[in-house]
Amino acid sequence: SIIALFEAPMDSIQLFRGDTVLVRGKKRKETVLIVLADEELDDGSARINRVVRHNLRVKHGDMITIHPCPDIKYAKRIAVLPIADTVEGITGSLFDVFLAPYFREAYRPVRQGDLFIVRGGMR
């Protein structure tokens, strides 16, 4: 997932497009995101999607904190569990149809406890 920021705050904390950041929301919830610049945003604003807002337990207008996270490690193995009602009626290998295309040749930081949406046949 990504977080879009106005370029001035990115410069002040020495972030560049594609850097990884740790974002903290409410109730000690945090996730790892990729930074992108967005000139349409106001200074002090950030744009995150609905799934990230859910993971951070925040709503539109809530305060988040952003910290550079340059030392993130690549995982050798992760466990991804489907939510039961989202896989009803799906046959075949969930890994081959959903997870492999989602993670293949893409830098997608994930953090333990995060929820994320994966659609079939991603390219």
PDB file of N, CA and C in Angstrom:
ATOM      1  N   SER A   1       0.833  -1.191   0.000  1.00  0.00           N
ATOM      2  CA  SER A   1       0.000   0.000   0.000  1.00  0.00           C
ATOM      3  C   SER A   1       0.871   1.245   0.000  1.00  0.00           C
ATOM      4  N   ILE A   2       0.269   2.340  -0.335  1.00  0.00           N
ATOM      5  CA  ILE A   2       1.025   3.587  -0.450  1.00  0.00           C
ATOM      6  C   ILE A   2       0.428   4.672   0.434  1.00  0.00           C
ATOM      7  N   ILE A   3       1.249   5.683   0.680  1.00  0.00           N
ATOM      8  CA  ILE A   3       0.804   6.909   1.317  1.00  0.00           C
ATOM      9  C   ILE A   3       1.279   8.049   0.427  1.00  0.00           C
ATOM     10  N   ALA A   4       0.375   8.938   0.077  1.00  0.00           N
ATOM     11  CA  ALA A   4       0.722  10.090  -0.756  1.00  0.00           C
ATOM     12  C   ALA A   4       0.871  11.301   0.152  1.00  0.00           C
ATOM     13  N   LEU A   5       1.974  12.036  -0.032  1.00  0.00           N
ATOM     14  CA  LEU A   5       2.270  13.217   0.778  1.00  0.00           C
ATOM     15  C   LEU A   5       2.607  14.390  -0.120  1.00  0.00           C
ATOM     16  N   PHE A   6       2.371  15.611   0.383  1.00  0.00           N
ATOM     17  CA  PHE A   6       2.851  16.813  -0.277  1.00  0.00           C
ATOM     18  C   PHE A   6       4.371  16.791  -0.196  1.00  0.00           C
ATOM     19  N   GLU A   7       5.056  17.333  -1.183  1.00  0.00           N
ATOM     20  CA  GLU A   7       6.502  17.177  -1.270  1.00  0.00           C
ATOM     21  C   GLU A   7       7.284  17.888  -0.163  1.00  0.00           C
ATOM     22  N   ALA A   8       6.800  19.016   0.360  1.00  0.00           N
ATOM     23  CA  ALA A   8       7.536  19.754   1.399  1.00  0.00           C
ATOM     24  C   ALA A   8       7.762  18.921   2.664  1.00  0.00           C
ATOM     25  N   PRO A   9       6.735  18.249   3.207  1.00  0.00           N
ATOM     26  CA  PRO A   9       7.006  17.420   4.385  1.00  0.00           C
ATOM     27  C   PRO A   9       7.937  16.250   4.078  1.00  0.00           C
ATOM     28  N   MET A  10       7.880  15.735   2.857  1.00  0.00           N
ATOM     29  CA  MET A  10       8.795  14.660   2.481  1.00  0.00           C
ATOM     30  C   MET A  10      10.232  15.148   2.560  1.00  0.00           C
ATOM     31  N   ASP A  11      10.476  16.365   2.065  1.00  0.00           N
ATOM     32  CA  ASP A  11      11.823  16.928   2.105  1.00  0.00           C
ATOM     33  C   ASP A  11      12.280  17.159   3.539  1.00  0.00           C
ATOM     34  N   SER A  12      11.375  17.615   4.406  1.00  0.00           N
ATOM     35  CA  SER A  12      11.765  17.945   5.774  1.00  0.00           C
ATOM     36  C   SER A  12      12.192  16.713   6.571  1.00  0.00           C
ATOM     37  N   ILE A  13      11.632  15.553   6.274  1.00  0.00           N
ATOM     38  CA  ILE A  13      12.077  14.343   6.977  1.00  0.00           C
ATOM     39  C   ILE A  13      12.907  13.435   6.060  1.00  0.00           C
ATOM     40  N   GLN A  14      13.401  14.014   4.984  1.00  0.00           N
ATOM     41  CA  GLN A  14      14.315  13.358   4.046  1.00  0.00           C
ATOM     42  C   GLN A  14      13.753  12.046   3.495  1.00  0.00           C
ATOM     43  N   LEU A  15      12.546  12.136   2.956  1.00  0.00           N
ATOM     44  CA  LEU A  15      11.930  10.993   2.297  1.00  0.00           C
ATOM     45  C   LEU A  15      11.921  11.215   0.796  1.00  0.00           C
ATOM     46  N   PHE A  16      12.049  10.133   0.063  1.00  0.00           N
ATOM     47  CA  PHE A  16      12.022  10.190  -1.389  1.00  0.00           C
ATOM     48  C   PHE A  16      10.954   9.227  -1.904  1.00  0.00           C
ATOM     49  N   ARG A  17      10.529   9.454  -3.131  1.00  0.00           N
ATOM     50  CA  ARG A  17       9.519   8.594  -3.751  1.00  0.00           C
ATOM     51  C   ARG A  17       9.989   7.138  -3.691  1.00  0.00           C
ATOM     52  N   GLY A  18       9.116   6.259  -3.202  1.00  0.00           N
ATOM     53  CA  GLY A  18       9.443   4.841  -3.115  1.00  0.00           C
ATOM     54  C   GLY A  18      10.035   4.409  -1.787  1.00  0.00           C
ATOM     55  N   ASP A  19      10.347   5.365  -0.896  1.00  0.00           N
ATOM     56  CA  ASP A  19      10.864   5.006   0.424  1.00  0.00           C
ATOM     57  C   ASP A  19       9.786   4.301   1.239  1.00  0.00           C
ATOM     58  N   THR A  20      10.222   3.528   2.203  1.00  0.00           N
ATOM     59  CA  THR A  20       9.306   2.826   3.095  1.00  0.00           C
ATOM     60  C   THR A  20       9.196   3.595   4.400  1.00  0.00           C
ATOM     61  N   VAL A  21       7.967   3.746   4.895  1.00  0.00           N
ATOM     62  CA  VAL A  21       7.737   4.463   6.150  1.00  0.00           C
ATOM     63  C   VAL A  21       6.858   3.629   7.078  1.00  0.00           C
ATOM     64  N   LEU A  22       7.035   3.865   8.370  1.00  0.00           N
ATOM     65  CA  LEU A  22       6.172   3.288   9.387  1.00  0.00           C
ATOM     66  C   LEU A  22       5.145   4.351   9.742  1.00  0.00           C
ATOM     67  N   VAL A  23       3.873   4.022   9.629  1.00  0.00           N
ATOM     68  CA  VAL A  23       2.798   4.976   9.894  1.00  0.00           C
ATOM     69  C   VAL A  23       2.023   4.488  11.112  1.00  0.00           C
ATOM     70  N   ARG A  24       1.843   5.403  12.077  1.00  0.00           N
ATOM     71  CA  ARG A  24       1.116   5.060  13.301  1.00  0.00           C
ATOM     72  C   ARG A  24      -0.220   5.778  13.325  1.00  0.00           C
ATOM     73  N   GLY A  25      -1.247   5.039  13.728  1.00  0.00           N
ATOM     74  CA  GLY A  25      -2.585   5.600  13.853  1.00  0.00           C
ATOM     75  C   GLY A  25      -3.046   5.553  15.295  1.00  0.00           C
ATOM     76  N   LYS A  26      -4.305   5.218  15.476  1.00  0.00           N
ATOM     77  CA  LYS A  26      -4.883   5.157  16.820  1.00  0.00           C
ATOM     78  C   LYS A  26      -4.622   3.808  17.473  1.00  0.00           C
ATOM     79  N   LYS A  27      -4.730   3.789  18.794  1.00  0.00           N
ATOM     80  CA  LYS A  27      -4.663   2.557  19.585  1.00  0.00           C
ATOM     81  C   LYS A  27      -3.408   1.752  19.294  1.00  0.00           C
ATOM     82  N   ARG A  28      -2.291   2.448  19.115  1.00  0.00           N
ATOM     83  CA  ARG A  28      -0.986   1.814  18.868  1.00  0.00           C
ATOM     84  C   ARG A  28      -0.964   0.945  17.612  1.00  0.00           C
ATOM     85  N   LYS A  29      -1.838   1.207  16.687  1.00  0.00           N
ATOM     86  CA  LYS A  29      -1.854   0.467  15.424  1.00  0.00           C
ATOM     87  C   LYS A  29      -0.860   1.111  14.472  1.00  0.00           C
ATOM     88  N   GLU A  30      -0.120   0.285  13.754  1.00  0.00           N
ATOM     89  CA  GLU A  30       0.847   0.806  12.793  1.00  0.00           C
ATOM     90  C   GLU A  30       0.954  -0.139  11.611  1.00  0.00           C
ATOM     91  N   THR A  31       1.424   0.426  10.507  1.00  0.00           N
ATOM     92  CA  THR A  31       1.623  -0.359   9.297  1.00  0.00           C
ATOM     93  C   THR A  31       2.797   0.229   8.525  1.00  0.00           C
ATOM     94  N   VAL A  32       3.238  -0.487   7.522  1.00  0.00           N
ATOM     95  CA  VAL A  32       4.368  -0.068   6.697  1.00  0.00           C
ATOM     96  C   VAL A  32       3.838   0.256   5.304  1.00  0.00           C
ATOM     97  N   LEU A  33       4.223   1.442   4.785  1.00  0.00           N
ATOM     98  CA  LEU A  33       3.717   1.906   3.495  1.00  0.00           C
ATOM     99  C   LEU A  33       4.849   2.441   2.627  1.00  0.00           C
ATOM    100  N   ILE A  34       4.571   2.599   1.348  1.00  0.00           N
ATOM    101  CA  ILE A  34       5.506   3.195   0.395  1.00  0.00           C
ATOM    102  C   ILE A  34       5.074   4.635   0.146  1.00  0.00           C
ATOM    103  N   VAL A  35       6.032   5.560   0.131  1.00  0.00           N
ATOM    104  CA  VAL A  35       5.747   6.989  -0.028  1.00  0.00           C
ATOM    105  C   VAL A  35       5.710   7.379  -1.501  1.00  0.00           C
ATOM    106  N   LEU A  36       4.707   8.173  -1.857  1.00  0.00           N
ATOM    107  CA  LEU A  36       4.631   8.812  -3.166  1.00  0.00           C
ATOM    108  C   LEU A  36       4.345  10.292  -2.962  1.00  0.00           C
ATOM    109  N   ALA A  37       4.838  11.133  -3.858  1.00  0.00           N
ATOM    110  CA  ALA A  37       4.574  12.574  -3.783  1.00  0.00           C
ATOM    111  C   ALA A  37       3.278  12.885  -4.521  1.00  0.00           C
ATOM    112  N   ASP A  38       2.515  13.831  -3.966  1.00  0.00           N
ATOM    113  CA  ASP A  38       1.261  14.252  -4.588  1.00  0.00           C
ATOM    114  C   ASP A  38       1.133  15.758  -4.417  1.00  0.00           C
ATOM    115  N   GLU A  39       1.316  16.500  -5.504  1.00  0.00           N
ATOM    116  CA  GLU A  39       1.277  17.962  -5.459  1.00  0.00           C
ATOM    117  C   GLU A  39      -0.127  18.514  -5.221  1.00  0.00           C
ATOM    118  N   GLU A  40      -1.155  17.695  -5.387  1.00  0.00           N
ATOM    119  CA  GLU A  40      -2.524  18.159  -5.192  1.00  0.00           C
ATOM    120  C   GLU A  40      -2.920  18.237  -3.720  1.00  0.00           C
ATOM    121  N   LEU A  41      -2.133  17.614  -2.841  1.00  0.00           N
ATOM    122  CA  LEU A  41      -2.457  17.613  -1.416  1.00  0.00           C
ATOM    123  C   LEU A  41      -2.015  18.904  -0.750  1.00  0.00           C
ATOM    124  N   ASP A  42      -2.710  19.263   0.327  1.00  0.00           N
ATOM    125  CA  ASP A  42      -2.300  20.404   1.142  1.00  0.00           C
ATOM    126  C   ASP A  42      -1.104  20.005   1.990  1.00  0.00           C
ATOM    127  N   ASP A  43      -0.319  20.996   2.389  1.00  0.00           N
ATOM    128  CA  ASP A  43       0.798  20.751   3.293  1.00  0.00           C
ATOM    129  C   ASP A  43       0.240  20.216   4.614  1.00  0.00           C
ATOM    130  N   GLY A  44       0.783  19.121   5.103  1.00  0.00           N
ATOM    131  CA  GLY A  44       0.301  18.533   6.347  1.00  0.00           C
ATOM    132  C   GLY A  44      -0.765  17.473   6.153  1.00  0.00           C
ATOM    133  N   SER A  45      -1.160  17.228   4.908  1.00  0.00           N
ATOM    134  CA  SER A  45      -2.169  16.206   4.622  1.00  0.00           C
ATOM    135  C   SER A  45      -1.508  14.980   4.010  1.00  0.00           C
ATOM    136  N   ALA A  46      -2.170  13.851   4.175  1.00  0.00           N
ATOM    137  CA  ALA A  46      -1.706  12.604   3.577  1.00  0.00           C
ATOM    138  C   ALA A  46      -2.908  11.897   2.975  1.00  0.00           C
ATOM    139  N   ARG A  47      -2.659  11.108   1.947  1.00  0.00           N
ATOM    140  CA  ARG A  47      -3.732  10.333   1.325  1.00  0.00           C
ATOM    141  C   ARG A  47      -3.413   8.849   1.496  1.00  0.00           C
ATOM    142  N   ILE A  48      -4.342   8.120   2.135  1.00  0.00           N
ATOM    143  CA  ILE A  48      -4.224   6.671   2.285  1.00  0.00           C
ATOM    144  C   ILE A  48      -5.566   6.052   1.911  1.00  0.00           C
ATOM    145  N   ASN A  49      -5.538   4.808   1.494  1.00  0.00           N
ATOM    146  CA  ASN A  49      -6.786   4.177   1.056  1.00  0.00           C
ATOM    147  C   ASN A  49      -7.593   3.618   2.232  1.00  0.00           C
ATOM    148  N   ARG A  50      -8.766   3.142   1.930  1.00  0.00           N
ATOM    149  CA  ARG A  50      -9.702   2.656   2.947  1.00  0.00           C
ATOM    150  C   ARG A  50      -9.130   1.490   3.751  1.00  0.00           C
ATOM    151  N   VAL A  51      -8.429   0.577   3.101  1.00  0.00           N
ATOM    152  CA  VAL A  51      -7.872  -0.585   3.789  1.00  0.00           C
ATOM    153  C   VAL A  51      -6.800  -0.147   4.787  1.00  0.00           C
ATOM    154  N   VAL A  52      -5.945   0.793   4.390  1.00  0.00           N
ATOM    155  CA  VAL A  52      -4.912   1.305   5.299  1.00  0.00           C
ATOM    156  C   VAL A  52      -5.561   2.029   6.472  1.00  0.00           C
ATOM    157  N   ARG A  53      -6.583   2.830   6.200  1.00  0.00           N
ATOM    158  CA  ARG A  53      -7.293   3.508   7.297  1.00  0.00           C
ATOM    159  C   ARG A  53      -7.857   2.493   8.283  1.00  0.00           C
ATOM    160  N   HIS A  54      -8.391   1.402   7.778  1.00  0.00           N
ATOM    161  CA  HIS A  54      -8.920   0.354   8.654  1.00  0.00           C
ATOM    162  C   HIS A  54      -7.796  -0.269   9.493  1.00  0.00           C
ATOM    163  N   ASN A  55      -6.661  -0.582   8.865  1.00  0.00           N
ATOM    164  CA  ASN A  55      -5.537  -1.169   9.600  1.00  0.00           C
ATOM    165  C   ASN A  55      -5.026  -0.237  10.698  1.00  0.00           C
ATOM    166  N   LEU A  56      -5.065   1.076  10.447  1.00  0.00           N
ATOM    167  CA  LEU A  56      -4.587   2.059  11.425  1.00  0.00           C
ATOM    168  C   LEU A  56      -5.679   2.486  12.404  1.00  0.00           C
ATOM    169  N   ARG A  57      -6.910   2.065  12.149  1.00  0.00           N
ATOM    170  CA  ARG A  57      -8.067   2.450  12.976  1.00  0.00           C
ATOM    171  C   ARG A  57      -8.272   3.962  12.987  1.00  0.00           C
ATOM    172  N   VAL A  58      -8.153   4.591  11.816  1.00  0.00           N
ATOM    173  CA  VAL A  58      -8.362   6.035  11.703  1.00  0.00           C
ATOM    174  C   VAL A  58      -9.468   6.315  10.696  1.00  0.00           C
ATOM    175  N   LYS A  59     -10.005   7.539  10.769  1.00  0.00           N
ATOM    176  CA  LYS A  59     -11.017   8.015   9.826  1.00  0.00           C
ATOM    177  C   LYS A  59     -10.465   9.251   9.126  1.00  0.00           C
ATOM    178  N   HIS A  60     -11.179   9.750   8.143  1.00  0.00           N
ATOM    179  CA  HIS A  60     -10.787  10.985   7.471  1.00  0.00           C
ATOM    180  C   HIS A  60     -10.610  12.077   8.517  1.00  0.00           C
ATOM    181  N   GLY A  61      -9.511  12.810   8.441  1.00  0.00           N
ATOM    182  CA  GLY A  61      -9.270  13.922   9.352  1.00  0.00           C
ATOM    183  C   GLY A  61      -8.525  13.552  10.621  1.00  0.00           C
ATOM    184  N   ASP A  62      -8.348  12.261  10.915  1.00  0.00           N
ATOM    185  CA  ASP A  62      -7.607  11.855  12.110  1.00  0.00           C
ATOM    186  C   ASP A  62      -6.111  12.080  11.917  1.00  0.00           C
ATOM    187  N   MET A  63      -5.409  12.188  13.024  1.00  0.00           N
ATOM    188  CA  MET A  63      -3.967  12.425  13.017  1.00  0.00           C
ATOM    189  C   MET A  63      -3.215  11.092  12.905  1.00  0.00           C
ATOM    190  N   ILE A  64      -2.196  11.073  12.049  1.00  0.00           N
ATOM    191  CA  ILE A  64      -1.282   9.934  11.957  1.00  0.00           C
ATOM    192  C   ILE A  64       0.135  10.463  12.084  1.00  0.00           C
ATOM    193  N   THR A  65       1.066   9.591  12.434  1.00  0.00           N
ATOM    194  CA  THR A  65       2.475   9.986  12.457  1.00  0.00           C
ATOM    195  C   THR A  65       3.237   9.111  11.474  1.00  0.00           C
ATOM    196  N   ILE A  66       4.243   9.711  10.851  1.00  0.00           N
ATOM    197  CA  ILE A  66       5.020   9.041   9.809  1.00  0.00           C
ATOM    198  C   ILE A  66       6.481   9.049  10.220  1.00  0.00           C
ATOM    199  N   HIS A  67       7.106   7.873  10.181  1.00  0.00           N
ATOM    200  CA  HIS A  67       8.509   7.734  10.552  1.00  0.00           C
ATOM    201  C   HIS A  67       9.243   6.993   9.434  1.00  0.00           C
ATOM    202  N   PRO A  68      10.414   7.484   9.016  1.00  0.00           N
ATOM    203  CA  PRO A  68      11.198   6.751   8.020  1.00  0.00           C
ATOM    204  C   PRO A  68      11.522   5.347   8.537  1.00  0.00           C
ATOM    205  N   CYS A  69      11.551   4.396   7.652  1.00  0.00           N
ATOM    206  CA  CYS A  69      11.813   3.002   8.028  1.00  0.00           C
ATOM    207  C   CYS A  69      12.791   2.400   7.014  1.00  0.00           C
ATOM    208  N   PRO A  70      14.045   2.875   7.023  1.00  0.00           N
ATOM    209  CA  PRO A  70      14.987   2.441   5.990  1.00  0.00           C
ATOM    210  C   PRO A  70      15.510   1.020   6.174  1.00  0.00           C
ATOM    211  N   ASP A  71      15.405   0.474   7.375  1.00  0.00           N
ATOM    212  CA  ASP A  71      16.028  -0.821   7.651  1.00  0.00           C
ATOM    213  C   ASP A  71      15.052  -1.994   7.612  1.00  0.00           C
ATOM    214  N   ILE A  72      14.005  -1.862   6.820  1.00  0.00           N
ATOM    215  CA  ILE A  72      13.023  -2.949   6.722  1.00  0.00           C
ATOM    216  C   ILE A  72      13.665  -4.139   6.013  1.00  0.00           C
ATOM    217  N   LYS A  73      13.376  -5.324   6.517  1.00  0.00           N
ATOM    218  CA  LYS A  73      13.985  -6.536   5.965  1.00  0.00           C
ATOM    219  C   LYS A  73      12.998  -7.244   5.034  1.00  0.00           C
ATOM    220  N   TYR A  74      13.543  -7.937   4.056  1.00  0.00           N
ATOM    221  CA  TYR A  74      12.723  -8.759   3.176  1.00  0.00           C
ATOM    222  C   TYR A  74      12.373 -10.047   3.918  1.00  0.00           C
ATOM    223  N   ALA A  75      11.121 -10.446   3.858  1.00  0.00           N
ATOM    224  CA  ALA A  75      10.686 -11.672   4.525  1.00  0.00           C
ATOM    225  C   ALA A  75      11.034 -12.875   3.667  1.00  0.00           C
ATOM    226  N   LYS A  76      11.440 -13.924   4.318  1.00  0.00           N
ATOM    227  CA  LYS A  76      11.673 -15.172   3.611  1.00  0.00           C
ATOM    228  C   LYS A  76      10.364 -15.937   3.480  1.00  0.00           C
ATOM    229  N   ARG A  77       9.467 -15.699   4.445  1.00  0.00           N
ATOM    230  CA  ARG A  77       8.209 -16.422   4.465  1.00  0.00           C
ATOM    231  C   ARG A  77       7.181 -15.623   5.261  1.00  0.00           C
ATOM    232  N   ILE A  78       5.953 -15.569   4.769  1.00  0.00           N
ATOM    233  CA  ILE A  78       4.863 -14.941   5.515  1.00  0.00           C
ATOM    234  C   ILE A  78       3.658 -15.877   5.492  1.00  0.00           C
ATOM    235  N   ALA A  79       2.806 -15.732   6.481  1.00  0.00           N
ATOM    236  CA  ALA A  79       1.563 -16.500   6.523  1.00  0.00           C
ATOM    237  C   ALA A  79       0.420 -15.550   6.202  1.00  0.00           C
ATOM    238  N   VAL A  80      -0.330 -15.874   5.167  1.00  0.00           N
ATOM    239  CA  VAL A  80      -1.474 -15.065   4.758  1.00  0.00           C
ATOM    240  C   VAL A  80      -2.712 -15.943   4.897  1.00  0.00           C
ATOM    241  N   LEU A  81      -3.647 -15.477   5.704  1.00  0.00           N
ATOM    242  CA  LEU A  81      -4.866 -16.244   5.942  1.00  0.00           C
ATOM    243  C   LEU A  81      -6.058 -15.518   5.344  1.00  0.00           C
ATOM    244  N   PRO A  82      -6.896 -16.219   4.581  1.00  0.00           N
ATOM    245  CA  PRO A  82      -8.081 -15.561   4.016  1.00  0.00           C
ATOM    246  C   PRO A  82      -9.150 -15.367   5.086  1.00  0.00           C
ATOM    247  N   ILE A  83      -9.964 -14.367   4.905  1.00  0.00           N
ATOM    248  CA  ILE A  83     -11.130 -14.178   5.761  1.00  0.00           C
ATOM    249  C   ILE A  83     -12.201 -15.116   5.215  1.00  0.00           C
ATOM    250  N   ALA A  84     -12.775 -15.928   6.087  1.00  0.00           N
ATOM    251  CA  ALA A  84     -13.630 -17.051   5.677  1.00  0.00           C
ATOM    252  C   ALA A  84     -14.705 -16.677   4.663  1.00  0.00           C
ATOM    253  N   ASP A  85     -15.445 -15.603   4.902  1.00  0.00           N
ATOM    254  CA  ASP A  85     -16.560 -15.296   4.003  1.00  0.00           C
ATOM    255  C   ASP A  85     -16.117 -14.745   2.653  1.00  0.00           C
ATOM    256  N   THR A  86     -14.833 -14.448   2.494  1.00  0.00           N
ATOM    257  CA  THR A  86     -14.356 -13.915   1.215  1.00  0.00           C
ATOM    258  C   THR A  86     -13.948 -15.006   0.235  1.00  0.00           C
ATOM    259  N   VAL A  87     -13.821 -16.241   0.703  1.00  0.00           N
ATOM    260  CA  VAL A  87     -13.381 -17.325  -0.181  1.00  0.00           C
ATOM    261  C   VAL A  87     -14.457 -18.387  -0.395  1.00  0.00           C
ATOM    262  N   GLU A  88     -15.675 -18.106   0.045  1.00  0.00           N
ATOM    263  CA  GLU A  88     -16.765 -19.062  -0.164  1.00  0.00           C
ATOM    264  C   GLU A  88     -17.008 -19.256  -1.659  1.00  0.00           C
ATOM    265  N   GLY A  89     -17.060 -20.497  -2.074  1.00  0.00           N
ATOM    266  CA  GLY A  89     -17.354 -20.809  -3.463  1.00  0.00           C
ATOM    267  C   GLY A  89     -16.156 -20.739  -4.399  1.00  0.00           C
ATOM    268  N   ILE A  90     -15.001 -20.358  -3.898  1.00  0.00           N
ATOM    269  CA  ILE A  90     -13.803 -20.290  -4.745  1.00  0.00           C
ATOM    270  C   ILE A  90     -13.135 -21.655  -4.736  1.00  0.00           C
ATOM    271  N   THR A  91     -12.821 -22.151  -5.927  1.00  0.00           N
ATOM    272  CA  THR A  91     -12.145 -23.440  -6.030  1.00  0.00           C
ATOM    273  C   THR A  91     -10.755 -23.223  -6.597  1.00  0.00           C
ATOM    274  N   GLY A  92      -9.916 -24.217  -6.456  1.00  0.00           N
ATOM    275  CA  GLY A  92      -8.557 -24.116  -6.964  1.00  0.00           C
ATOM    276  C   GLY A  92      -7.606 -23.587  -5.905  1.00  0.00           C
ATOM    277  N   SER A  93      -6.395 -23.371  -6.313  1.00  0.00           N
ATOM    278  CA  SER A  93      -5.341 -22.928  -5.404  1.00  0.00           C
ATOM    279  C   SER A  93      -5.426 -21.425  -5.164  1.00  0.00           C
ATOM    280  N   LEU A  94      -5.681 -21.032  -3.928  1.00  0.00           N
ATOM    281  CA  LEU A  94      -5.717 -19.610  -3.592  1.00  0.00           C
ATOM    282  C   LEU A  94      -4.360 -18.964  -3.837  1.00  0.00           C
ATOM    283  N   PHE A  95      -3.293 -19.722  -3.586  1.00  0.00           N
ATOM    284  CA  PHE A  95      -1.955 -19.174  -3.791  1.00  0.00           C
ATOM    285  C   PHE A  95      -1.720 -18.843  -5.259  1.00  0.00           C
ATOM    286  N   ASP A  96      -1.981 -19.804  -6.146  1.00  0.00           N
ATOM    287  CA  ASP A  96      -1.708 -19.597  -7.573  1.00  0.00           C
ATOM    288  C   ASP A  96      -2.588 -18.520  -8.195  1.00  0.00           C
ATOM    289  N   VAL A  97      -3.843 -18.463  -7.785  1.00  0.00           N
ATOM    290  CA  VAL A  97      -4.790 -17.537  -8.404  1.00  0.00           C
ATOM    291  C   VAL A  97      -4.688 -16.130  -7.818  1.00  0.00           C
ATOM    292  N   PHE A  98      -4.454 -16.020  -6.517  1.00  0.00           N
ATOM    293  CA  PHE A  98      -4.514 -14.719  -5.856  1.00  0.00           C
ATOM    294  C   PHE A  98      -3.157 -14.211  -5.355  1.00  0.00           C
ATOM    295  N   LEU A  99      -2.479 -14.982  -4.514  1.00  0.00           N
ATOM    296  CA  LEU A  99      -1.276 -14.465  -3.851  1.00  0.00           C
ATOM    297  C   LEU A  99      -0.060 -14.350  -4.759  1.00  0.00           C
ATOM    298  N   ALA A 100       0.206 -15.366  -5.560  1.00  0.00           N
ATOM    299  CA  ALA A 100       1.384 -15.310  -6.432  1.00  0.00           C
ATOM    300  C   ALA A 100       1.342 -14.095  -7.361  1.00  0.00           C
ATOM    301  N   PRO A 101       0.228 -13.834  -8.061  1.00  0.00           N
ATOM    302  CA  PRO A 101       0.198 -12.641  -8.919  1.00  0.00           C
ATOM    303  C   PRO A 101       0.290 -11.331  -8.133  1.00  0.00           C
ATOM    304  N   TYR A 102      -0.235 -11.304  -6.914  1.00  0.00           N
ATOM    305  CA  TYR A 102      -0.218 -10.081  -6.093  1.00  0.00           C
ATOM    306  C   TYR A 102       1.206  -9.712  -5.674  1.00  0.00           C
ATOM    307  N   PHE A 103       1.992 -10.696  -5.271  1.00  0.00           N
ATOM    308  CA  PHE A 103       3.336 -10.420  -4.764  1.00  0.00           C
ATOM    309  C   PHE A 103       4.431 -10.540  -5.821  1.00  0.00           C
ATOM    310  N   ARG A 104       4.166 -11.202  -6.939  1.00  0.00           N
ATOM    311  CA  ARG A 104       5.199 -11.436  -7.950  1.00  0.00           C
ATOM    312  C   ARG A 104       5.703 -10.120  -8.531  1.00  0.00           C
ATOM    313  N   GLU A 105       7.010  -9.959  -8.525  1.00  0.00           N
ATOM    314  CA  GLU A 105       7.688  -8.798  -9.114  1.00  0.00           C
ATOM    315  C   GLU A 105       7.119  -7.468  -8.640  1.00  0.00           C
ATOM    316  N   ALA A 106       6.693  -7.414  -7.385  1.00  0.00           N
ATOM    317  CA  ALA A 106       6.175  -6.170  -6.821  1.00  0.00           C
ATOM    318  C   ALA A 106       6.704  -6.021  -5.401  1.00  0.00           C
ATOM    319  N   TYR A 107       7.123  -4.811  -5.065  1.00  0.00           N
ATOM    320  CA  TYR A 107       7.560  -4.536  -3.703  1.00  0.00           C
ATOM    321  C   TYR A 107       6.319  -4.161  -2.911  1.00  0.00           C
ATOM    322  N   ARG A 108       5.875  -5.046  -2.052  1.00  0.00           N
ATOM    323  CA  ARG A 108       4.665  -4.821  -1.261  1.00  0.00           C
ATOM    324  C   ARG A 108       4.989  -5.072   0.204  1.00  0.00           C
ATOM    325  N   PRO A 109       5.295  -4.006   0.934  1.00  0.00           N
ATOM    326  CA  PRO A 109       5.581  -4.219   2.357  1.00  0.00           C
ATOM    327  C   PRO A 109       4.317  -4.645   3.097  1.00  0.00           C
ATOM    328  N   VAL A 110       4.466  -5.616   3.978  1.00  0.00           N
ATOM    329  CA  VAL A 110       3.353  -6.069   4.812  1.00  0.00           C
ATOM    330  C   VAL A 110       3.822  -6.121   6.257  1.00  0.00           C
ATOM    331  N   ARG A 111       2.890  -5.966   7.153  1.00  0.00           N
ATOM    332  CA  ARG A 111       3.189  -6.001   8.577  1.00  0.00           C
ATOM    333  C   ARG A 111       2.233  -6.985   9.235  1.00  0.00           C
ATOM    334  N   GLN A 112       2.723  -7.690  10.218  1.00  0.00           N
ATOM    335  CA  GLN A 112       1.898  -8.666  10.914  1.00  0.00           C
ATOM    336  C   GLN A 112       0.606  -8.020  11.411  1.00  0.00           C
ATOM    337  N   GLY A 113      -0.506  -8.671  11.136  1.00  0.00           N
ATOM    338  CA  GLY A 113      -1.807  -8.177  11.568  1.00  0.00           C
ATOM    339  C   GLY A 113      -2.531  -7.318  10.548  1.00  0.00           C
ATOM    340  N   ASP A 114      -1.861  -6.925   9.474  1.00  0.00           N
ATOM    341  CA  ASP A 114      -2.502  -6.105   8.445  1.00  0.00           C
ATOM    342  C   ASP A 114      -3.503  -6.925   7.643  1.00  0.00           C
ATOM    343  N   LEU A 115      -4.564  -6.266   7.228  1.00  0.00           N
ATOM    344  CA  LEU A 115      -5.492  -6.825   6.253  1.00  0.00           C
ATOM    345  C   LEU A 115      -5.181  -6.172   4.917  1.00  0.00           C
ATOM    346  N   PHE A 116      -5.318  -6.916   3.827  1.00  0.00           N
ATOM    347  CA  PHE A 116      -5.161  -6.317   2.511  1.00  0.00           C
ATOM    348  C   PHE A 116      -6.042  -7.055   1.526  1.00  0.00           C
ATOM    349  N   ILE A 117      -6.425  -6.348   0.472  1.00  0.00           N
ATOM    350  CA  ILE A 117      -7.320  -6.901  -0.545  1.00  0.00           C
ATOM    351  C   ILE A 117      -6.488  -7.414  -1.711  1.00  0.00           C
ATOM    352  N   VAL A 118      -6.781  -8.645  -2.115  1.00  0.00           N
ATOM    353  CA  VAL A 118      -6.104  -9.258  -3.257  1.00  0.00           C
ATOM    354  C   VAL A 118      -7.185  -9.679  -4.240  1.00  0.00           C
ATOM    355  N   ARG A 119      -7.031  -9.251  -5.479  1.00  0.00           N
ATOM    356  CA  ARG A 119      -7.989  -9.644  -6.508  1.00  0.00           C
ATOM    357  C   ARG A 119      -7.343 -10.692  -7.409  1.00  0.00           C
ATOM    358  N   GLY A 120      -8.128 -11.584  -7.951  1.00  0.00           N
ATOM    359  CA  GLY A 120      -7.609 -12.673  -8.771  1.00  0.00           C
ATOM    360  C   GLY A 120      -7.020 -12.204 -10.082  1.00  0.00           C
ATOM    361  N   GLY A 121      -5.951 -12.885 -10.525  1.00  0.00           N
ATOM    362  CA  GLY A 121      -5.359 -12.624 -11.823  1.00  0.00           C
ATOM    363  C   GLY A 121      -4.699 -11.270 -11.961  1.00  0.00           C
ATOM    364  N   MET A 122      -4.142 -10.717 -10.884  1.00  0.00           N
ATOM    365  CA  MET A 122      -3.475  -9.403 -10.965  1.00  0.00           C
ATOM    366  C   MET A 122      -2.259  -9.498 -11.868  1.00  0.00           C
ATOM    367  N   ARG A 123      -1.975  -8.409 -12.563  1.00  0.00           N
ATOM    368  CA  ARG A 123      -0.788  -8.379 -13.422  1.00  0.00           C
ATOM    369  C   ARG A 123      -0.061  -7.103 -13.215  1.00  0.00           C
TER     370      ARG A 123
END
